[in-house]
Amino acid sequence: MPNNSEMGMLESFLSMLVGPGDNIWEHAAVSTKAAMNLGAGLETEVKGHIHSYLAWQKKPGLPFGTALTAHILNHNAEIAKTFVGWVKKVFE
């Protein structure tokens, strides 16, 4: 995962950038689990979860970077700031 301290993938990291108590995020989680129980061919639950969440926004299906720019995902979350700080330290 981008924070280099936890297991996961990009979608796992991005899921931490959703605001707390977001009802659409919670619905995406329930819907993704239900779809998988019905045989949806998802690679992983977290991929279905984040893509479902993004599909139900005012502008559906934005790419991850655009979702950050549009403030759908919180680029000011503490974990995002930590990651940006690490990138700057490594590449500056």
Protein backbone atom coordinates (compact mmCIF):
# COMPACT_ATOMS: atom_id res chain seq x y z
CA MET A 1 0.00 0.00 0.00
CA PRO A 2 1.26 3.55 -0.63
CA ASN A 3 1.96 4.17 3.06
CA ASN A 4 4.45 1.25 3.09
CA SER A 5 3.30 0.15 6.53
CA GLU A 6 0.08 -1.77 5.86
CA MET A 7 -0.95 -4.51 3.50
CA GLY A 8 -3.31 -3.49 0.75
CA MET A 9 -3.52 -1.86 -2.62
CA LEU A 10 -4.15 1.60 -3.99
CA GLU A 11 -7.90 1.20 -3.50
CA SER A 12 -7.30 0.34 0.18
CA PHE A 13 -5.36 3.57 0.61
CA LEU A 14 -7.98 5.63 -1.25
CA SER A 15 -10.75 4.17 0.91
CA MET A 16 -9.09 5.94 3.86
CA LEU A 17 -9.68 9.25 2.07
CA VAL A 18 -13.47 9.00 2.28
CA GLY A 19 -14.96 11.25 4.94
CA PRO A 20 -16.14 9.60 8.16
CA GLY A 21 -19.84 8.80 8.31
CA ASP A 22 -20.37 9.07 4.55
CA ASN A 23 -23.69 7.29 3.94
CA ILE A 24 -22.93 6.60 0.28
CA TRP A 25 -19.64 4.94 1.29
CA GLU A 26 -21.51 2.72 3.75
CA HIS A 27 -24.11 1.85 1.09
CA ALA A 28 -21.34 1.02 -1.39
CA ALA A 29 -19.87 -1.42 1.17
CA VAL A 30 -23.19 -3.19 1.73
CA SER A 31 -23.98 -3.26 -2.00
CA THR A 32 -20.55 -4.62 -2.91
CA LYS A 33 -20.85 -7.45 -0.38
CA ALA A 34 -24.34 -8.26 -1.68
CA ALA A 35 -23.13 -8.30 -5.28
CA MET A 36 -20.25 -10.61 -4.38
CA ASN A 37 -22.68 -12.94 -2.58
CA LEU A 38 -24.72 -13.06 -5.78
CA GLY A 39 -21.63 -14.06 -7.78
CA ALA A 40 -20.21 -10.76 -8.98
CA GLY A 41 -16.81 -11.45 -10.46
CA LEU A 42 -14.90 -8.80 -8.55
CA GLU A 43 -11.18 -9.33 -7.95
CA THR A 44 -11.41 -7.86 -4.46
CA GLU A 45 -14.11 -6.33 -2.33
CA VAL A 46 -12.25 -3.04 -1.87
CA LYS A 47 -12.06 -2.48 -5.64
CA GLY A 48 -15.82 -2.90 -5.98
CA HIS A 49 -16.40 -0.71 -2.96
CA ILE A 50 -14.38 2.31 -4.15
CA HIS A 51 -15.64 2.10 -7.74
CA SER A 52 -19.27 1.80 -6.57
CA TYR A 53 -18.77 4.82 -4.34
CA LEU A 54 -17.33 6.86 -7.20
CA ALA A 55 -20.13 5.70 -9.52
CA TRP A 56 -22.73 7.25 -7.22
CA GLN A 57 -21.28 10.76 -7.16
CA LYS A 58 -22.62 13.86 -8.92
CA LYS A 59 -20.15 13.15 -11.74
CA PRO A 60 -20.15 9.34 -11.79
CA GLY A 61 -17.08 7.21 -12.34
CA LEU A 62 -14.33 9.80 -12.04
CA PRO A 63 -10.77 8.44 -12.13
CA PHE A 64 -9.01 8.41 -8.76
CA GLY A 65 -6.89 11.50 -9.41
CA THR A 66 -9.86 13.50 -10.63
CA ALA A 67 -11.90 12.36 -7.59
CA LEU A 68 -9.13 13.79 -5.41
CA THR A 69 -9.08 17.07 -7.33
CA ALA A 70 -12.89 17.27 -7.14
CA HIS A 71 -12.71 16.78 -3.34
CA ILE A 72 -14.77 13.60 -3.46
CA LEU A 73 -11.79 11.92 -1.81
CA ASN A 74 -10.19 13.98 0.95
CA HIS A 75 -6.68 14.97 -0.08
CA ASN A 76 -6.30 16.71 3.29
CA ALA A 77 -6.76 13.51 5.31
CA GLU A 78 -3.86 12.91 7.69
CA ILE A 79 -2.79 9.73 5.88
CA ALA A 80 -2.70 11.66 2.56
CA LYS A 81 -0.55 14.39 4.11
CA THR A 82 1.83 11.76 5.50
CA PHE A 83 2.11 10.13 2.08
CA VAL A 84 2.75 13.44 0.30
CA GLY A 85 5.39 14.31 2.91
CA TRP A 86 7.13 10.99 2.30
CA VAL A 87 7.08 11.48 -1.49
CA LYS A 88 8.57 14.97 -1.13
CA LYS A 89 11.27 13.69 1.21
CA VAL A 90 12.23 10.91 -1.19
CA PHE A 91 12.21 12.95 -4.41
CA GLU A 92 13.34 16.43 -3.38
